[in-house]
């Protein structure tokens, strides 16, 4: 009888503990906010970047690899054949083969025009849900949608829950295009050299004057 009572008591404690663990798990909105808070608290970060653009209907698959350096809304992306630099307001796209430079303004409709932290800020008020919620994994996939008319009908984020760091960002537009950024080898609070987040002609000798397309 005592063994039976002891078993029931242990079962009760175990259920209470399991319940508290489940309640402690982040909701989609909480995980999004905590990740945003963590990434915006960093002075800056640099990572390896893999960028893809897919459109199944048009049988398009493009892939580029490189690096990304972010400080707030400023960023520098170096991909195969091009460099994209932004000071948070302007974007310089540098084409290496033709030695051309195009100057545009930050455009929320262009996935190459804003940084990962800017993406999170724009979508923090969106409705969030878990796409694949594995209770035994630190890796969570969030799906963000908006009730309002927007450029992107859906955004997905793959987040390391224990580290509160982004691994993947995918943007889905109305034309069937999917833009995905995969981030790896994450390093933060690095020294920034002059000209990292702005275009300096002296860094690109032989290039033409930036073509202003703003």
Foldseek 3Di string as FASTA:
>chain_A
DVVVVVVVVVVVVVVVVVVVVVVPDDFQLRLLVVLLVVQLVFQKKKWKKKKWKDFVVVGDIDIWIFMKIDGQWWIWTDTVQWIWFAPNFKIWIAGNVVLAIAIDTQDPLDPSRTDPSVVSVVQSPFDKHWPDDDVVAQWTKIKGAHPDDDQFRIKIWIARRVVSHTQKIWTAGPNRMIMMMGTDPMDTDDDDDPPRRHDDCVVRPPHDDHHYPD
